[in-house]
Protein backbone atom coordinates (compact mmCIF):
# COMPACT_ATOMS: atom_id res chain seq x y z
CA MET A 1 70.43 -57.30 35.32
CA ALA A 2 73.06 -55.40 34.10
CA ALA A 3 72.24 -52.18 32.67
CA SER A 4 72.58 -51.19 29.25
CA LYS A 5 72.08 -47.41 29.30
CA GLY A 6 73.67 -46.70 33.13
CA THR A 7 72.22 -46.56 36.31
CA ILE A 8 69.62 -43.69 37.72
CA GLY A 9 69.43 -43.00 41.24
CA ILE A 10 66.30 -41.62 42.82
CA LEU A 11 65.79 -40.13 46.85
CA THR A 12 63.18 -38.61 48.59
CA GLY A 13 63.97 -35.43 51.27
CA GLY A 14 62.31 -33.63 53.72
CA GLY A 15 58.74 -34.35 55.07
CA ASP A 16 56.66 -37.42 53.75
CA VAL A 17 53.68 -36.67 51.72
CA PRO A 18 51.27 -38.62 49.81
CA GLY A 19 52.20 -39.29 45.94
CA LEU A 20 55.83 -40.02 46.49
CA ASN A 21 55.78 -43.76 45.71
CA PRO A 22 53.45 -43.25 42.64
CA ALA A 23 56.72 -40.66 41.71
CA ILE A 24 59.22 -43.75 42.24
CA ARG A 25 57.27 -46.04 40.56
CA ALA A 26 56.72 -44.38 37.38
CA VAL A 27 60.65 -43.69 37.15
CA THR A 28 61.42 -47.21 37.81
CA PHE A 29 58.87 -48.49 35.37
CA ARG A 30 60.06 -46.21 32.61
CA ALA A 31 63.72 -46.62 33.57
CA ILE A 32 63.86 -50.78 33.49
CA ARG A 33 61.65 -50.39 30.42
CA GLU A 34 63.84 -47.86 28.85
CA GLY A 35 67.04 -50.25 29.81
CA TYR A 36 68.51 -48.54 33.23
CA LYS A 37 69.43 -49.94 36.43
CA VAL A 38 67.53 -47.79 39.14
CA VAL A 39 69.12 -47.32 42.64
CA GLY A 40 66.75 -45.94 45.37
CA ILE A 41 68.83 -44.25 48.23
CA LYS A 42 67.08 -44.66 51.32
CA ARG A 43 66.50 -41.47 53.60
CA GLY A 44 66.99 -38.72 51.56
CA TRP A 45 70.59 -36.94 51.22
CA GLY A 46 71.27 -39.22 54.58
CA GLY A 47 72.12 -42.41 52.18
CA LEU A 48 74.76 -40.66 50.45
CA VAL A 49 75.97 -39.21 53.65
CA ASP A 50 76.28 -42.83 55.46
CA MET A 51 77.39 -44.64 52.79
CA VAL A 52 80.24 -46.69 53.25
CA PRO A 53 82.08 -47.15 49.56
CA ASP A 54 83.01 -50.46 49.80
CA LYS A 55 81.18 -53.33 48.23
CA LYS A 56 82.18 -55.55 51.30
CA ALA A 57 80.06 -52.72 53.53
CA ASP A 58 76.58 -53.35 54.80
CA ASN A 59 74.90 -50.66 53.18
CA ASP A 60 71.55 -52.06 53.09
CA TRP A 61 70.31 -48.93 55.42
CA ASN A 62 71.84 -46.84 52.70
CA TYR A 63 70.46 -47.99 49.27
CA SER A 64 68.90 -50.79 47.38
CA ILE A 65 68.17 -51.80 43.77
CA LEU A 66 64.72 -51.14 42.72
CA THR A 67 62.46 -53.66 41.11
CA ALA A 68 59.47 -53.63 38.73
CA ASP A 69 57.38 -55.96 41.78
CA LEU A 70 58.62 -53.66 44.61
CA VAL A 71 57.86 -50.41 43.20
CA ASN A 72 54.36 -51.64 42.09
CA ARG A 73 53.08 -52.49 45.53
CA ALA A 74 54.61 -49.64 47.10
CA GLY A 75 53.05 -47.43 44.39
CA ARG A 76 49.28 -47.41 45.63
CA THR A 77 50.50 -46.27 49.73
CA GLY A 78 51.26 -43.11 51.19
CA GLY A 79 54.35 -41.92 52.69
CA THR A 80 58.01 -43.26 50.88
CA PHE A 81 59.05 -46.40 51.11
CA LEU A 82 62.55 -45.11 50.83
CA HIS A 83 62.51 -43.19 54.02
CA THR A 84 63.20 -39.78 54.34
CA SER A 85 65.10 -37.23 56.25
CA ARG A 86 65.84 -33.57 56.62
CA THR A 87 70.06 -33.96 56.28
CA ASN A 88 71.90 -31.30 54.41
CA PRO A 89 75.44 -32.68 53.59
CA GLN A 90 76.42 -28.92 53.14
CA LYS A 91 75.73 -28.10 57.24
CA LEU A 92 76.31 -31.72 58.72
CA LYS A 93 76.58 -31.30 62.55
CA LYS A 94 79.34 -32.81 64.29
CA GLU A 95 77.47 -35.62 65.81
CA SER A 96 75.64 -36.65 62.77
CA VAL A 97 79.11 -37.43 61.03
CA PRO A 98 79.70 -41.18 60.22
CA ASP A 99 81.86 -43.25 61.94
CA HIS A 100 83.94 -43.59 59.00
CA LEU A 101 84.36 -40.01 58.19
CA LYS A 102 84.79 -38.65 61.91
CA ASP A 103 88.53 -38.40 61.71
CA LYS A 104 88.15 -36.02 58.42
CA TYR A 105 85.38 -33.87 59.43
CA LYS A 106 85.82 -32.48 63.26
CA ASP A 107 84.04 -29.09 62.86
CA GLU A 108 80.70 -28.48 64.72
CA VAL A 109 79.16 -28.17 61.07
CA ASN A 110 80.85 -29.87 58.08
CA ASP A 111 80.58 -29.72 54.54
CA VAL A 112 80.50 -33.52 53.12
CA THR A 113 79.82 -32.56 49.53
CA GLU A 114 83.35 -34.48 48.50
CA ASP A 115 82.11 -37.83 50.32
CA VAL A 116 78.99 -38.02 48.75
CA LEU A 117 80.41 -37.34 45.18
CA LYS A 118 82.74 -40.24 45.85
CA ASN A 119 79.46 -42.49 47.15
CA LEU A 120 77.51 -41.30 43.96
CA GLU A 121 80.71 -42.54 41.84
CA PHE A 122 80.50 -45.71 43.99
CA LEU A 123 76.99 -46.21 42.97
CA GLY A 124 77.61 -45.81 39.32
CA ILE A 125 74.87 -43.18 39.11
CA ASP A 126 74.48 -41.57 35.76
CA TYR A 127 71.49 -39.26 36.67
CA LEU A 128 70.13 -38.22 40.34
CA ILE A 129 66.62 -37.93 40.80
CA PRO A 130 66.22 -36.01 44.03
CA ILE A 131 62.12 -35.59 44.78
CA GLY A 132 61.49 -32.94 47.52
CA GLY A 133 60.96 -29.23 48.27
CA ASP A 134 63.32 -26.47 47.93
CA ASP A 135 65.44 -27.04 50.84
CA THR A 136 66.22 -30.76 49.24
CA LEU A 137 66.61 -29.76 45.50
CA SER A 138 68.73 -26.83 46.61
CA TYR A 139 71.21 -29.61 47.55
CA GLY A 140 70.53 -31.08 44.08
CA TYR A 141 71.58 -27.82 42.54
CA ARG A 142 74.76 -28.06 44.36
CA LEU A 143 75.17 -31.60 42.86
CA HIS A 144 74.69 -30.02 39.46
CA GLN A 145 76.94 -27.27 40.12
CA GLU A 146 79.92 -30.06 41.15
CA GLY A 147 79.00 -32.03 37.35
CA ILE A 148 76.44 -34.24 38.42
CA ASN A 149 73.57 -34.68 36.21
CA VAL A 150 70.18 -33.59 38.15
CA VAL A 151 67.06 -34.03 37.36
CA ALA A 152 64.47 -32.74 39.91
CA ILE A 153 60.93 -33.61 41.17
CA PRO A 154 59.04 -31.07 43.16
CA LYS A 155 57.54 -32.16 46.26
CA THR A 156 56.12 -30.00 49.11
CA MET A 157 52.57 -30.05 50.44
CA ASP A 158 52.86 -25.85 51.21
CA ASN A 159 53.24 -25.84 47.43
CA ASP A 160 55.88 -23.44 48.02
CA VAL A 161 58.59 -24.51 45.57
CA PRO A 162 59.35 -21.78 42.20
CA GLY A 163 58.78 -22.75 38.88
CA THR A 164 56.15 -24.62 39.06
CA ASP A 165 52.28 -23.98 39.97
CA TYR A 166 52.12 -27.91 41.49
CA CYS A 167 53.95 -30.11 43.97
CA ILE A 168 53.48 -33.42 44.87
CA GLY A 169 51.48 -33.78 48.26
CA PHE A 170 49.32 -30.66 47.73
CA SER A 171 46.10 -31.81 46.65
CA THR A 172 46.18 -34.41 49.49
CA CYS A 173 46.36 -31.97 51.71
CA ILE A 174 44.10 -29.72 50.61
CA THR A 175 41.64 -32.55 50.06
CA ARG A 176 42.18 -33.69 53.89
CA THR A 177 42.21 -30.23 55.10
CA ILE A 178 38.88 -29.66 53.73
CA GLU A 179 37.27 -32.98 54.95
CA LEU A 180 38.59 -32.26 58.65
CA SER A 181 37.27 -29.09 58.48
CA ARG A 182 33.86 -30.47 57.32
CA THR A 183 33.96 -33.19 59.97
CA LEU A 184 34.82 -30.59 63.05
CA ARG A 185 31.95 -28.28 62.10
CA THR A 186 29.86 -30.63 63.87
CA SER A 187 31.28 -30.28 67.31
CA ALA A 188 31.69 -26.43 66.86
CA GLY A 189 27.87 -26.03 65.92
CA SER A 190 26.89 -28.20 68.87
CA HIS A 191 28.57 -25.82 71.19
CA GLU A 192 28.39 -22.62 69.65
CA ARG A 193 32.12 -22.22 69.56
CA PHE A 194 34.61 -20.62 67.32
CA LEU A 195 36.73 -23.31 65.52
CA VAL A 196 40.72 -22.74 65.19
CA ILE A 197 42.05 -24.99 62.80
CA GLU A 198 46.01 -24.85 62.26
CA VAL A 199 47.34 -26.36 59.25
CA PHE A 200 50.88 -26.46 57.63
CA GLY A 201 52.23 -23.68 55.80
CA ARG A 202 55.70 -21.82 56.80
CA TYR A 203 56.15 -18.88 54.76
CA ALA A 204 53.13 -19.63 52.27
CA GLY A 205 49.70 -19.93 52.50
CA PHE A 206 48.22 -21.88 49.89
CA THR A 207 47.34 -24.88 52.07
CA THR A 208 44.77 -22.27 54.21
CA LEU A 209 43.69 -19.74 51.37
CA LEU A 210 42.39 -22.50 49.19
CA PRO A 211 40.55 -24.26 51.30
CA THR A 212 38.81 -21.50 52.26
CA ILE A 213 38.09 -20.63 48.99
CA ALA A 214 36.62 -23.90 49.03
CA GLY A 215 34.21 -23.48 51.69
CA ALA A 216 36.29 -24.97 54.55
CA ALA A 217 36.48 -21.82 56.80
CA ASP A 218 34.91 -18.44 57.11
CA ARG A 219 38.14 -16.61 57.61
CA CYS A 220 41.70 -17.76 57.12
CA LEU A 221 45.38 -16.33 58.16
CA ILE A 222 48.23 -16.46 56.40
CA PRO A 223 51.79 -16.20 56.51
CA GLU A 224 52.11 -13.53 54.04
CA HIS A 225 49.72 -10.88 55.86
CA PRO A 226 50.27 -10.26 59.86
CA PHE A 227 46.86 -9.76 61.21
CA GLU A 228 45.48 -8.09 64.02
CA MET A 229 43.32 -10.38 66.84
CA ASP A 230 40.54 -7.66 67.90
CA HIS A 231 39.52 -7.47 63.93
CA LEU A 232 39.62 -11.03 63.89
CA ALA A 233 37.39 -11.55 66.74
CA GLU A 234 35.12 -9.15 65.21
CA LEU A 235 34.63 -10.83 61.79
CA LEU A 236 34.08 -14.37 63.48
CA SER A 237 31.21 -12.78 65.80
CA TYR A 238 29.79 -11.68 62.54
CA ASP A 239 30.26 -14.93 60.69
CA ARG A 240 28.69 -16.85 64.36
CA ASP A 241 25.79 -14.44 64.51
CA HIS A 242 25.09 -15.03 61.09
CA ASN A 243 25.29 -18.42 61.04
CA PRO A 244 21.68 -20.44 61.95
CA SER A 245 23.95 -22.92 64.04
CA ARG A 246 25.91 -20.14 65.83
CA TYR A 247 29.40 -20.94 65.02
CA ALA A 248 32.55 -19.85 62.89
CA VAL A 249 35.79 -21.28 61.32
CA VAL A 250 39.07 -19.56 61.02
CA LEU A 251 41.74 -21.74 59.38
CA VAL A 252 45.42 -20.65 60.29
CA SER A 253 48.80 -21.23 58.64
CA GLU A 254 51.34 -22.98 61.01
CA GLY A 255 53.72 -19.53 59.93
CA ALA A 256 51.19 -16.60 60.30
CA THR A 257 51.89 -13.99 62.80
CA MET A 258 49.50 -11.20 65.10
CA SER A 259 50.96 -7.63 64.28
CA HIS A 260 51.65 -7.02 67.73
CA HIS A 261 53.82 -10.00 67.82
CA THR A 262 55.60 -10.65 64.41
CA ASP A 263 57.43 -13.73 65.07
CA MET A 264 56.30 -17.11 63.76
CA SER A 265 55.57 -19.71 66.56
CA PHE A 266 58.01 -22.67 67.21
CA GLU A 267 57.80 -25.68 69.22
CA GLY A 268 61.19 -25.14 70.67
CA GLU A 269 64.65 -23.40 69.86
CA GLU A 270 66.03 -26.50 67.81
CA THR A 271 66.93 -26.24 64.16
CA ASP A 272 67.19 -28.62 61.54
CA MET A 273 69.94 -28.70 59.48
CA PHE A 274 68.67 -26.51 57.28
CA GLY A 275 67.77 -23.68 59.94
CA HIS A 276 64.56 -23.85 60.25
CA LYS A 277 62.92 -24.79 63.46
CA LYS A 278 59.77 -26.39 64.12
CA LEU A 279 57.29 -24.60 63.59
CA GLY A 280 53.66 -24.76 65.50
CA GLY A 281 51.79 -23.39 68.49
CA ILE A 282 49.82 -20.46 66.66
CA GLY A 283 46.81 -21.85 67.02
CA ASP A 284 47.19 -21.98 70.50
CA LYS A 285 47.95 -18.58 70.86
CA VAL A 286 45.12 -17.24 68.09
CA ALA A 287 42.78 -19.53 69.90
CA ALA A 288 43.61 -18.33 73.68
CA GLU A 289 43.47 -14.38 72.31
CA LEU A 290 40.43 -14.92 70.36
CA LYS A 291 38.54 -16.00 73.34
CA GLU A 292 39.36 -13.17 75.54
CA ALA A 293 39.09 -10.59 72.61
CA SER A 294 35.35 -12.10 71.50
CA ALA A 295 33.84 -10.61 74.87
CA LYS A 296 33.68 -7.10 73.07
CA TYR A 297 31.47 -8.17 70.00
CA ASN A 298 29.41 -10.75 71.94
CA ASN A 299 27.90 -8.53 74.92
CA GLY A 300 30.72 -8.93 77.14
CA ASN A 301 30.63 -12.71 76.98
CA LYS A 302 33.30 -14.66 75.96
CA VAL A 303 32.82 -17.15 73.37
CA ASN A 304 34.24 -21.06 73.77
CA ILE A 305 36.95 -22.38 71.31
CA ILE A 306 37.42 -25.49 69.73
CA ASN A 307 41.39 -25.57 68.91
CA GLN A 308 42.54 -27.97 66.80
CA ARG A 309 46.02 -28.85 64.92
CA LEU A 310 45.48 -30.95 62.02
CA SER A 311 49.38 -31.58 61.32
CA TYR A 312 50.15 -34.94 60.05
CA LEU A 313 46.68 -36.07 59.38
CA VAL A 314 46.97 -33.97 56.38
CA ARG A 315 50.36 -35.20 55.07
CA CYS A 316 49.92 -39.35 56.27
CA GLY A 317 47.74 -42.35 54.37
CA ASP A 318 46.88 -42.72 50.50
CA PRO A 319 47.16 -40.10 47.89
CA ASP A 320 44.39 -38.78 46.32
CA ALA A 321 43.42 -38.69 42.44
CA PHE A 322 45.19 -35.94 41.65
CA ASP A 323 48.12 -37.06 43.94
CA SER A 324 48.26 -40.14 41.89
CA ILE A 325 48.15 -38.71 38.37
CA VAL A 326 50.77 -35.79 38.72
CA PRO A 327 53.50 -37.47 40.14
CA MET A 328 53.04 -40.80 37.45
CA ALA A 329 53.52 -37.60 34.93
CA PHE A 330 56.30 -36.26 37.02
CA GLY A 331 58.29 -39.02 36.59
CA ASN A 332 57.85 -39.84 33.18
CA ILE A 333 58.86 -36.23 31.85
CA ALA A 334 62.06 -36.68 34.38
CA MET A 335 62.92 -40.16 32.42
CA ASP A 336 62.13 -38.08 28.92
CA LEU A 337 64.91 -35.40 30.39
CA ILE A 338 67.10 -38.19 31.05
CA LEU A 339 66.60 -40.09 27.65
CA SER A 340 67.50 -36.83 25.57
CA LYS A 341 70.65 -36.26 27.84
CA GLN A 342 69.04 -32.97 29.53
CA SER A 343 70.13 -32.34 33.22
CA GLY A 344 69.89 -29.59 35.80
CA ARG A 345 65.80 -29.12 35.08
CA LEU A 346 63.15 -29.15 37.47
CA VAL A 347 59.90 -31.11 36.00
CA SER A 348 56.85 -28.44 36.56
CA LEU A 349 53.55 -28.02 36.04
CA ARG A 350 52.33 -24.54 34.85
CA ASN A 351 49.34 -23.15 33.97
CA GLY A 352 47.73 -26.33 33.65
CA ILE A 353 50.62 -27.68 31.44
CA TYR A 354 53.82 -30.37 32.01
CA ASP A 355 56.68 -28.63 31.63
CA THR A 356 60.54 -28.27 32.98
CA VAL A 357 62.53 -25.30 33.74
CA PRO A 358 66.34 -25.10 34.68
CA LEU A 359 67.01 -25.84 37.96
CA ASP A 360 68.34 -22.60 39.40
CA HIS A 361 64.52 -21.39 40.01
CA ILE A 362 64.74 -22.30 42.95
CA ILE A 363 67.34 -20.62 44.15
CA GLY A 364 67.25 -16.93 45.43
CA HIS A 365 63.34 -16.53 46.20
CA LYS A 366 60.52 -17.82 47.87
CA LYS A 367 57.09 -18.71 46.41
CA VAL A 368 54.73 -17.04 47.87
CA ILE A 369 50.96 -15.78 47.66
CA ASP A 370 50.17 -12.40 45.82
CA VAL A 371 48.32 -10.78 48.73
CA TYR A 372 47.20 -7.96 46.43
CA LYS A 373 45.66 -10.12 44.18
CA TYR A 374 44.32 -13.11 46.18
CA TYR A 375 43.72 -12.34 49.75
CA ASN A 376 41.27 -9.59 51.26
CA THR A 377 42.72 -7.97 53.99
CA GLU A 378 40.27 -6.30 55.53
CA ARG A 379 38.12 -9.05 55.41
CA LEU A 380 40.88 -11.97 56.23
CA CYS A 381 39.53 -14.28 53.64
CA PRO A 382 40.34 -15.19 49.77
CA ASN A 383 39.23 -11.95 46.79
CA TYR A 384 36.33 -13.68 44.85
CA GLY A 385 37.62 -12.10 41.35
CA SER A 386 37.65 -13.71 38.01
CA PHE A 387 38.99 -16.74 37.78
CA VAL A 388 39.09 -16.92 34.03
CA LYS A 389 42.39 -18.01 32.78
CA GLN A 390 43.82 -18.60 36.36
CA PRO A 391 45.47 -22.14 36.98
CA LEU A 392 43.64 -25.07 38.47
CA PHE A 393 44.70 -24.30 41.77
CA ILE A 394 43.96 -20.32 41.29
CA MET A 395 46.63 -18.44 43.20
CA THR A 396 49.63 -21.23 42.85
CA SER A 397 51.61 -19.54 39.96
CA ASP A 398 54.59 -17.74 40.21
CA ASP A 399 54.60 -14.81 37.90
């Protein structure tokens, strides 16, 4: 069907989270109703890099035309049916350059934005809606600077995109963390152990601190504040001694660091196109050192550990209620902006109110926990102060 008003492109980049498909559904339903054609770009920015701008070329793996029936089925599920990647067209490694561009880009790292712009023109994109975290959206801002009409939707379970209290995927992550922590308690209590649970959170500890507020753990370790192992062992030993079932729980952000070893823990040295190494392993280090340190506070006896990394268990599967409702609102607000011919905006939720902010909010700074306000560094747990006039998720507003 020919579009009467124009063509909207939509893509999802970075890690998958529950709530992406509902957002795609919301945009597509509203766009079609308003007379637009919707093009789903596959594999995030990867689809725009690999695309061959020729009508005779096979681009089925790079984009598709979205219909109401297609997105309605997918909209009830988790993940992203458009697929995703961590492709960065500004820093495309030589081995990732598609065959049809290898003669043009021969450096070890290449900026292929010129061809991304050509592919957007080939698709006839009038407005582009990237859904992602600050890495994905930072390239969206680059395209905005290049003259593309960009309307962005924030997504990341870490909830660390500046300019918004809430990012798609955060609520389901918190819900799953609470559920899984409670489930693991039965084994910890049965064996009278310390339970160490590693969760996502590279630079910000929202995914650790908020479940602890909800009672998922006794203590929590966040990236914003290095911790001392001896102090953690003392606190958890106290918690265990005062628990009728003789166990204690600590949630550990994957980006947390020890005061005597301030480097983050990585699975290897390989980086993605945004320069990030894959985090993981701090839970193993905490478990090993905690067991040794525990003897000092348990009459010379070491406390055994249950060590569990939640990893993809908190980002797979269907969205919870909040991650079904918010993406619907975000998608419709994105369409409101398009219908009013606005671009260079980020859809946001601040202090319980849906709104938009300039897209450049995501550039130049990280959204992290205000340690002074929300984290008790002596007790390694949340500050339980007054919650009056705080946003829904308490500490998620960046002032």
